[in-house]
């Protein structure tokens, strides 16, 4: 949703002039309102990215822990990947 919202905002800002009603926003918006919406969307994107980065880091640590506990598994993983 964030990507489509940002694409719509960029398209509208690039065109300048009057903005028509956009079903993604729900009402006609001026440039200032669009900038606020864009800023909020970027903040939401950053929060989501930070959360995903944190989860990815946790998964990596768990995988490394499993590999450390089972050295033979390291060989099996290498065979499967390679």
PDB file of N, CA and C in Angstrom:
ATOM      1  N   UNK A   1       0.822  -1.194   0.000  1.00  0.00           N
ATOM      2  CA  UNK A   1       0.000   0.000   0.000  1.00  0.00           C
ATOM      3  C   UNK A   1       0.865   1.257   0.000  1.00  0.00           C
ATOM      4  N   UNK A   2       1.935   1.239   0.793  1.00  0.00           N
ATOM      5  CA  UNK A   2       2.796   2.419   0.880  1.00  0.00           C
ATOM      6  C   UNK A   2       3.384   2.748  -0.482  1.00  0.00           C
ATOM      7  N   UNK A   3       3.844   1.734  -1.207  1.00  0.00           N
ATOM      8  CA  UNK A   3       4.458   1.968  -2.511  1.00  0.00           C
ATOM      9  C   UNK A   3       3.469   2.578  -3.481  1.00  0.00           C
ATOM     10  N   UNK A   4       2.242   2.055  -3.521  1.00  0.00           N
ATOM     11  CA  UNK A   4       1.251   2.599  -4.450  1.00  0.00           C
ATOM     12  C   UNK A   4       0.844   4.012  -4.055  1.00  0.00           C
ATOM     13  N   UNK A   5       0.755   4.276  -2.765  1.00  0.00           N
ATOM     14  CA  UNK A   5       0.415   5.621  -2.303  1.00  0.00           C
ATOM     15  C   UNK A   5       1.503   6.605  -2.696  1.00  0.00           C
ATOM     16  N   UNK A   6       2.764   6.220  -2.482  1.00  0.00           N
ATOM     17  CA  UNK A   6       3.872   7.107  -2.834  1.00  0.00           C
ATOM     18  C   UNK A   6       3.933   7.342  -4.338  1.00  0.00           C
ATOM     19  N   UNK A   7       3.679   6.309  -5.129  1.00  0.00           N
ATOM     20  CA  UNK A   7       3.689   6.472  -6.583  1.00  0.00           C
ATOM     21  C   UNK A   7       2.600   7.441  -7.021  1.00  0.00           C
ATOM     22  N   UNK A   8       1.413   7.326  -6.425  1.00  0.00           N
ATOM     23  CA  UNK A   8       0.315   8.233  -6.765  1.00  0.00           C
ATOM     24  C   UNK A   8       0.661   9.663  -6.370  1.00  0.00           C
ATOM     25  N   UNK A   9       1.277   9.823  -5.207  1.00  0.00           N
ATOM     26  CA  UNK A   9       1.656  11.161  -4.744  1.00  0.00           C
ATOM     27  C   UNK A   9       2.714  11.775  -5.654  1.00  0.00           C
ATOM     28  N   UNK A  10       3.704  10.984  -6.030  1.00  0.00           N
ATOM     29  CA  UNK A  10       4.743  11.500  -6.918  1.00  0.00           C
ATOM     30  C   UNK A  10       4.154  11.914  -8.253  1.00  0.00           C
ATOM     31  N   UNK A  11       3.235  11.121  -8.764  1.00  0.00           N
ATOM     32  CA  UNK A  11       2.596  11.429 -10.037  1.00  0.00           C
ATOM     33  C   UNK A  11       1.817  12.735  -9.948  1.00  0.00           C
ATOM     34  N   UNK A  12       1.066  12.903  -8.859  1.00  0.00           N
ATOM     35  CA  UNK A  12       0.269  14.118  -8.692  1.00  0.00           C
ATOM     36  C   UNK A  12       1.159  15.342  -8.510  1.00  0.00           C
ATOM     37  N   UNK A  13       2.230  15.192  -7.707  1.00  0.00           N
ATOM     38  CA  UNK A  13       3.123  16.324  -7.469  1.00  0.00           C
ATOM     39  C   UNK A  13       3.861  16.720  -8.740  1.00  0.00           C
ATOM     40  N   UNK A  14       4.222  15.765  -9.551  1.00  0.00           N
ATOM     41  CA  UNK A  14       4.933  16.056 -10.796  1.00  0.00           C
ATOM     42  C   UNK A  14       4.050  16.827 -11.764  1.00  0.00           C
ATOM     43  N   UNK A  15       2.745  16.548 -11.746  1.00  0.00           N
ATOM     44  CA  UNK A  15       1.823  17.206 -12.664  1.00  0.00           C
ATOM     45  C   UNK A  15       1.490  18.622 -12.259  1.00  0.00           C
ATOM     46  N   UNK A  16       1.578  18.944 -10.974  1.00  0.00           N
ATOM     47  CA  UNK A  16       1.224  20.280 -10.495  1.00  0.00           C
ATOM     48  C   UNK A  16      -0.236  20.601 -10.739  1.00  0.00           C
ATOM     49  N   UNK A  17      -0.628  21.845 -10.536  1.00  0.00           N
ATOM     50  CA  UNK A  17      -2.000  22.273 -10.806  1.00  0.00           C
ATOM     51  C   UNK A  17      -3.004  21.653  -9.854  1.00  0.00           C
ATOM     52  N   UNK A  18      -4.229  21.529 -10.319  1.00  0.00           N
ATOM     53  CA  UNK A  18      -5.310  20.984  -9.503  1.00  0.00           C
ATOM     54  C   UNK A  18      -5.218  19.465  -9.440  1.00  0.00           C
ATOM     55  N   UNK A  19      -5.621  18.937  -8.312  1.00  0.00           N
ATOM     56  CA  UNK A  19      -5.614  17.498  -8.122  1.00  0.00           C
ATOM     57  C   UNK A  19      -7.044  16.987  -8.136  1.00  0.00           C
ATOM     58  N   UNK A  20      -7.259  15.911  -8.855  1.00  0.00           N
ATOM     59  CA  UNK A  20      -8.594  15.319  -8.874  1.00  0.00           C
ATOM     60  C   UNK A  20      -8.738  14.379  -7.693  1.00  0.00           C
ATOM     61  N   UNK A  21      -9.961  13.965  -7.446  1.00  0.00           N
ATOM     62  CA  UNK A  21     -10.207  13.056  -6.335  1.00  0.00           C
ATOM     63  C   UNK A  21      -9.525  11.728  -6.616  1.00  0.00           C
ATOM     64  N   UNK A  22      -8.792  11.227  -5.639  1.00  0.00           N
ATOM     65  CA  UNK A  22      -8.063   9.971  -5.767  1.00  0.00           C
ATOM     66  C   UNK A  22      -8.663   8.976  -4.789  1.00  0.00           C
ATOM     67  N   UNK A  23      -9.128   7.804  -5.258  1.00  0.00           N
ATOM     68  CA  UNK A  23      -9.730   6.842  -4.348  1.00  0.00           C
ATOM     69  C   UNK A  23      -8.770   6.360  -3.268  1.00  0.00           C
ATOM     70  N   UNK A  24      -7.450   6.434  -3.517  1.00  0.00           N
ATOM     71  CA  UNK A  24      -6.492   6.022  -2.506  1.00  0.00           C
ATOM     72  C   UNK A  24      -6.426   6.985  -1.338  1.00  0.00           C
ATOM     73  N   UNK A  25      -6.722   8.254  -1.576  1.00  0.00           N
ATOM     74  CA  UNK A  25      -6.683   9.266  -0.523  1.00  0.00           C
ATOM     75  C   UNK A  25      -8.087   9.520   0.007  1.00  0.00           C
ATOM     76  N   UNK A  26      -9.058   9.577  -0.874  1.00  0.00           N
ATOM     77  CA  UNK A  26     -10.441   9.712  -0.455  1.00  0.00           C
ATOM     78  C   UNK A  26     -11.004  11.110  -0.573  1.00  0.00           C
ATOM     79  N   UNK A  27     -10.177  12.105  -0.892  1.00  0.00           N
ATOM     80  CA  UNK A  27     -10.667  13.471  -1.047  1.00  0.00           C
ATOM     81  C   UNK A  27      -9.652  14.265  -1.857  1.00  0.00           C
ATOM     82  N   UNK A  28     -10.097  15.347  -2.478  1.00  0.00           N
ATOM     83  CA  UNK A  28      -9.129  16.184  -3.193  1.00  0.00           C
ATOM     84  C   UNK A  28      -8.109  16.748  -2.207  1.00  0.00           C
ATOM     85  N   UNK A  29      -6.868  16.830  -2.612  1.00  0.00           N
ATOM     86  CA  UNK A  29      -5.826  17.287  -1.695  1.00  0.00           C
ATOM     87  C   UNK A  29      -4.976  18.361  -2.363  1.00  0.00           C
ATOM     88  N   UNK A  30      -4.490  19.278  -1.554  1.00  0.00           N
ATOM     89  CA  UNK A  30      -3.555  20.266  -2.090  1.00  0.00           C
ATOM     90  C   UNK A  30      -2.128  19.770  -1.861  1.00  0.00           C
ATOM     91  N   UNK A  31      -1.172  20.502  -2.360  1.00  0.00           N
ATOM     92  CA  UNK A  31       0.228  20.079  -2.285  1.00  0.00           C
ATOM     93  C   UNK A  31       0.682  19.871  -0.833  1.00  0.00           C
ATOM     94  N   UNK A  32       0.263  20.735   0.072  1.00  0.00           N
ATOM     95  CA  UNK A  32       0.647  20.599   1.479  1.00  0.00           C
ATOM     96  C   UNK A  32       0.110  19.319   2.097  1.00  0.00           C
ATOM     97  N   UNK A  33      -1.161  19.007   1.810  1.00  0.00           N
ATOM     98  CA  UNK A  33      -1.748  17.776   2.332  1.00  0.00           C
ATOM     99  C   UNK A  33      -1.035  16.554   1.763  1.00  0.00           C
ATOM    100  N   UNK A  34      -0.690  16.622   0.486  1.00  0.00           N
ATOM    101  CA  UNK A  34       0.015  15.505  -0.132  1.00  0.00           C
ATOM    102  C   UNK A  34       1.386  15.297   0.501  1.00  0.00           C
ATOM    103  N   UNK A  35       2.057  16.381   0.848  1.00  0.00           N
ATOM    104  CA  UNK A  35       3.368  16.264   1.482  1.00  0.00           C
ATOM    105  C   UNK A  35       3.240  15.615   2.861  1.00  0.00           C
ATOM    106  N   UNK A  36       2.193  15.966   3.596  1.00  0.00           N
ATOM    107  CA  UNK A  36       1.960  15.355   4.907  1.00  0.00           C
ATOM    108  C   UNK A  36       1.718  13.859   4.745  1.00  0.00           C
ATOM    109  N   UNK A  37       0.866  13.503   3.786  1.00  0.00           N
ATOM    110  CA  UNK A  37       0.564  12.093   3.543  1.00  0.00           C
ATOM    111  C   UNK A  37       1.827  11.349   3.114  1.00  0.00           C
ATOM    112  N   UNK A  38       2.618  11.966   2.258  1.00  0.00           N
ATOM    113  CA  UNK A  38       3.867  11.339   1.812  1.00  0.00           C
ATOM    114  C   UNK A  38       4.810  11.132   2.994  1.00  0.00           C
ATOM    115  N   UNK A  39       4.915  12.126   3.860  1.00  0.00           N
ATOM    116  CA  UNK A  39       5.774  12.004   5.037  1.00  0.00           C
ATOM    117  C   UNK A  39       5.322  10.895   5.963  1.00  0.00           C
ATOM    118  N   UNK A  40       4.014  10.806   6.189  1.00  0.00           N
ATOM    119  CA  UNK A  40       3.474   9.742   7.034  1.00  0.00           C
ATOM    120  C   UNK A  40       3.720   8.375   6.403  1.00  0.00           C
ATOM    121  N   UNK A  41       3.568   8.285   5.100  1.00  0.00           N
ATOM    122  CA  UNK A  41       3.807   7.016   4.405  1.00  0.00           C
ATOM    123  C   UNK A  41       5.266   6.602   4.521  1.00  0.00           C
ATOM    124  N   UNK A  42       6.169   7.568   4.386  1.00  0.00           N
ATOM    125  CA  UNK A  42       7.593   7.256   4.521  1.00  0.00           C
ATOM    126  C   UNK A  42       7.931   6.809   5.941  1.00  0.00           C
ATOM    127  N   UNK A  43       7.320   7.447   6.942  1.00  0.00           N
ATOM    128  CA  UNK A  43       7.548   7.037   8.325  1.00  0.00           C
ATOM    129  C   UNK A  43       7.038   5.617   8.552  1.00  0.00           C
ATOM    130  N   UNK A  44       5.867   5.304   8.014  1.00  0.00           N
ATOM    131  CA  UNK A  44       5.306   3.956   8.130  1.00  0.00           C
ATOM    132  C   UNK A  44       6.228   2.938   7.458  1.00  0.00           C
ATOM    133  N   UNK A  45       6.740   3.300   6.284  1.00  0.00           N
ATOM    134  CA  UNK A  45       7.663   2.422   5.569  1.00  0.00           C
ATOM    135  C   UNK A  45       8.918   2.176   6.401  1.00  0.00           C
ATOM    136  N   UNK A  46       9.482   3.217   6.988  1.00  0.00           N
ATOM    137  CA  UNK A  46      10.693   3.074   7.800  1.00  0.00           C
ATOM    138  C   UNK A  46      10.438   2.201   9.025  1.00  0.00           C
ATOM    139  N   UNK A  47       9.276   2.379   9.678  1.00  0.00           N
ATOM    140  CA  UNK A  47       8.941   1.529  10.829  1.00  0.00           C
ATOM    141  C   UNK A  47       8.852   0.066  10.402  1.00  0.00           C
ATOM    142  N   UNK A  48       8.198  -0.183   9.282  1.00  0.00           N
ATOM    143  CA  UNK A  48       8.062  -1.555   8.782  1.00  0.00           C
ATOM    144  C   UNK A  48       9.423  -2.141   8.434  1.00  0.00           C
ATOM    145  N   UNK A  49      10.260  -1.342   7.790  1.00  0.00           N
ATOM    146  CA  UNK A  49      11.592  -1.812   7.403  1.00  0.00           C
ATOM    147  C   UNK A  49      12.433  -2.124   8.634  1.00  0.00           C
ATOM    148  N   UNK A  50      12.352  -1.270   9.643  1.00  0.00           N
ATOM    149  CA  UNK A  50      13.097  -1.492  10.875  1.00  0.00           C
ATOM    150  C   UNK A  50      12.641  -2.774  11.555  1.00  0.00           C
ATOM    151  N   UNK A  51      11.329  -2.990  11.601  1.00  0.00           N
ATOM    152  CA  UNK A  51      10.790  -4.207  12.207  1.00  0.00           C
ATOM    153  C   UNK A  51      11.253  -5.442  11.440  1.00  0.00           C
ATOM    154  N   UNK A  52      11.196  -5.393  10.123  1.00  0.00           N
ATOM    155  CA  UNK A  52      11.637  -6.530   9.307  1.00  0.00           C
ATOM    156  C   UNK A  52      13.133  -6.783   9.471  1.00  0.00           C
ATOM    157  N   UNK A  53      13.930  -5.715   9.540  1.00  0.00           N
ATOM    158  CA  UNK A  53      15.371  -5.872   9.756  1.00  0.00           C
ATOM    159  C   UNK A  53      15.644  -6.550  11.091  1.00  0.00           C
ATOM    160  N   UNK A  54      14.881  -6.171  12.110  1.00  0.00           N
ATOM    161  CA  UNK A  54      15.034  -6.768  13.430  1.00  0.00           C
ATOM    162  C   UNK A  54      14.676  -8.252  13.399  1.00  0.00           C
ATOM    163  N   UNK A  55      13.592  -8.579  12.743  1.00  0.00           N
ATOM    164  CA  UNK A  55      13.179  -9.988  12.641  1.00  0.00           C
ATOM    165  C   UNK A  55      14.197 -10.803  11.850  1.00  0.00           C
ATOM    166  N   UNK A  56      14.722 -10.226  10.784  1.00  0.00           N
ATOM    167  CA  UNK A  56      15.737 -10.912   9.988  1.00  0.00           C
ATOM    168  C   UNK A  56      16.986 -11.166  10.819  1.00  0.00           C
ATOM    169  N   UNK A  57      17.381 -10.193  11.605  1.00  0.00           N
ATOM    170  CA  UNK A  57      18.543 -10.353  12.469  1.00  0.00           C
ATOM    171  C   UNK A  57      18.314 -11.480  13.474  1.00  0.00           C
ATOM    172  N   UNK A  58      17.117 -11.527  14.068  1.00  0.00           N
ATOM    173  CA  UNK A  58      16.778 -12.603  15.007  1.00  0.00           C
ATOM    174  C   UNK A  58      16.843 -13.966  14.327  1.00  0.00           C
ATOM    175  N   UNK A  59      16.305 -14.057  13.121  1.00  0.00           N
ATOM    176  CA  UNK A  59      16.335 -15.326  12.387  1.00  0.00           C
ATOM    177  C   UNK A  59      17.762 -15.758  12.072  1.00  0.00           C
ATOM    178  N   UNK A  60      18.606 -14.798  11.696  1.00  0.00           N
ATOM    179  CA  UNK A  60      20.011 -15.125  11.418  1.00  0.00           C
ATOM    180  C   UNK A  60      20.696 -15.659  12.667  1.00  0.00           C
ATOM    181  N   UNK A  61      20.456 -14.996  13.810  1.00  0.00           N
ATOM    182  CA  UNK A  61      21.077 -15.435  15.055  1.00  0.00           C
ATOM    183  C   UNK A  61      20.604 -16.836  15.420  1.00  0.00           C
ATOM    184  N   UNK A  62      19.320 -17.114  15.241  1.00  0.00           N
ATOM    185  CA  UNK A  62      18.797 -18.456  15.540  1.00  0.00           C
ATOM    186  C   UNK A  62      19.419 -19.497  14.618  1.00  0.00           C
ATOM    187  N   UNK A  63      19.526 -19.167  13.341  1.00  0.00           N
ATOM    188  CA  UNK A  63      20.124 -20.105  12.383  1.00  0.00           C
ATOM    189  C   UNK A  63      21.586 -20.370  12.733  1.00  0.00           C
ATOM    190  N   UNK A  64      22.312 -19.323  13.089  1.00  0.00           N
ATOM    191  CA  UNK A  64      23.714 -19.493  13.470  1.00  0.00           C
ATOM    192  C   UNK A  64      23.835 -20.342  14.728  1.00  0.00           C
ATOM    193  N   UNK A  65      22.912 -20.183  15.655  1.00  0.00           N
ATOM    194  CA  UNK A  65      22.908 -20.973  16.878  1.00  0.00           C
ATOM    195  C   UNK A  65      22.659 -22.447  16.573  1.00  0.00           C
ATOM    196  N   UNK A  66      21.722 -22.709  15.681  1.00  0.00           N
ATOM    197  CA  UNK A  66      21.425 -24.096  15.302  1.00  0.00           C
ATOM    198  C   UNK A  66      22.635 -24.726  14.631  1.00  0.00           C
ATOM    199  N   UNK A  67      23.255 -23.984  13.726  1.00  0.00           N
ATOM    200  CA  UNK A  67      24.435 -24.503  13.025  1.00  0.00           C
ATOM    201  C   UNK A  67      25.568 -24.763  14.015  1.00  0.00           C
ATOM    202  N   UNK A  68      25.737 -23.882  14.986  1.00  0.00           N
ATOM    203  CA  UNK A  68      26.791 -24.070  15.986  1.00  0.00           C
ATOM    204  C   UNK A  68      26.519 -25.305  16.841  1.00  0.00           C
ATOM    205  N   UNK A  69      25.247 -25.569  17.115  1.00  0.00           N
ATOM    206  CA  UNK A  69      24.883 -26.726  17.933  1.00  0.00           C
ATOM    207  C   UNK A  69      25.008 -28.042  17.170  1.00  0.00           C
ATOM    208  N   UNK A  70      24.861 -27.993  15.873  1.00  0.00           N
ATOM    209  CA  UNK A  70      24.887 -29.204  15.066  1.00  0.00           C
ATOM    210  C   UNK A  70      25.870 -29.045  13.906  1.00  0.00           C
ATOM    211  N   UNK A  71      27.164 -29.307  14.135  1.00  0.00           N
ATOM    212  CA  UNK A  71      28.165 -29.131  13.079  1.00  0.00           C
ATOM    213  C   UNK A  71      27.866 -29.952  11.820  1.00  0.00           C
ATOM    214  N   UNK A  72      27.296 -31.124  11.973  1.00  0.00           N
ATOM    215  CA  UNK A  72      26.985 -31.946  10.797  1.00  0.00           C
ATOM    216  C   UNK A  72      25.925 -31.279   9.932  1.00  0.00           C
ATOM    217  N   UNK A  73      25.067 -30.510  10.555  1.00  0.00           N
ATOM    218  CA  UNK A  73      24.027 -29.810   9.811  1.00  0.00           C
ATOM    219  C   UNK A  73      24.644 -28.793   8.855  1.00  0.00           C
ATOM    220  N   UNK A  74      25.767 -28.215   9.239  1.00  0.00           N
ATOM    221  CA  UNK A  74      26.469 -27.255   8.383  1.00  0.00           C
ATOM    222  C   UNK A  74      26.834 -27.896   7.045  1.00  0.00           C
ATOM    223  N   UNK A  75      27.290 -29.143   7.094  1.00  0.00           N
ATOM    224  CA  UNK A  75      27.652 -29.865   5.874  1.00  0.00           C
ATOM    225  C   UNK A  75      26.409 -30.111   5.028  1.00  0.00           C
ATOM    226  N   UNK A  76      25.316 -30.508   5.657  1.00  0.00           N
ATOM    227  CA  UNK A  76      24.070 -30.763   4.929  1.00  0.00           C
ATOM    228  C   UNK A  76      23.537 -29.489   4.272  1.00  0.00           C
ATOM    229  N   UNK A  77      23.610 -28.391   4.973  1.00  0.00           N
ATOM    230  CA  UNK A  77      23.151 -27.110   4.415  1.00  0.00           C
ATOM    231  C   UNK A  77      24.015 -26.735   3.218  1.00  0.00           C
ATOM    232  N   UNK A  78      25.311 -26.903   3.338  1.00  0.00           N
ATOM    233  CA  UNK A  78      26.219 -26.578   2.234  1.00  0.00           C
ATOM    234  C   UNK A  78      25.907 -27.428   1.007  1.00  0.00           C
ATOM    235  N   UNK A  79      25.604 -28.693   1.218  1.00  0.00           N
ATOM    236  CA  UNK A  79      25.251 -29.564   0.089  1.00  0.00           C
ATOM    237  C   UNK A  79      23.944 -29.127  -0.556  1.00  0.00           C
ATOM    238  N   UNK A  80      22.970 -28.763   0.258  1.00  0.00           N
ATOM    239  CA  UNK A  80      21.655 -28.370  -0.265  1.00  0.00           C
ATOM    240  C   UNK A  80      21.737 -27.052  -1.026  1.00  0.00           C
ATOM    241  N   UNK A  81      22.514 -26.120  -0.513  1.00  0.00           N
ATOM    242  CA  UNK A  81      22.625 -24.802  -1.137  1.00  0.00           C
ATOM    243  C   UNK A  81      23.550 -24.858  -2.351  1.00  0.00           C
ATOM    244  N   UNK A  82      24.644 -25.558  -2.208  1.00  0.00           N
ATOM    245  CA  UNK A  82      25.657 -25.579  -3.264  1.00  0.00           C
ATOM    246  C   UNK A  82      25.296 -26.495  -4.359  1.00  0.00           C
TER     247      UNK A  82
END
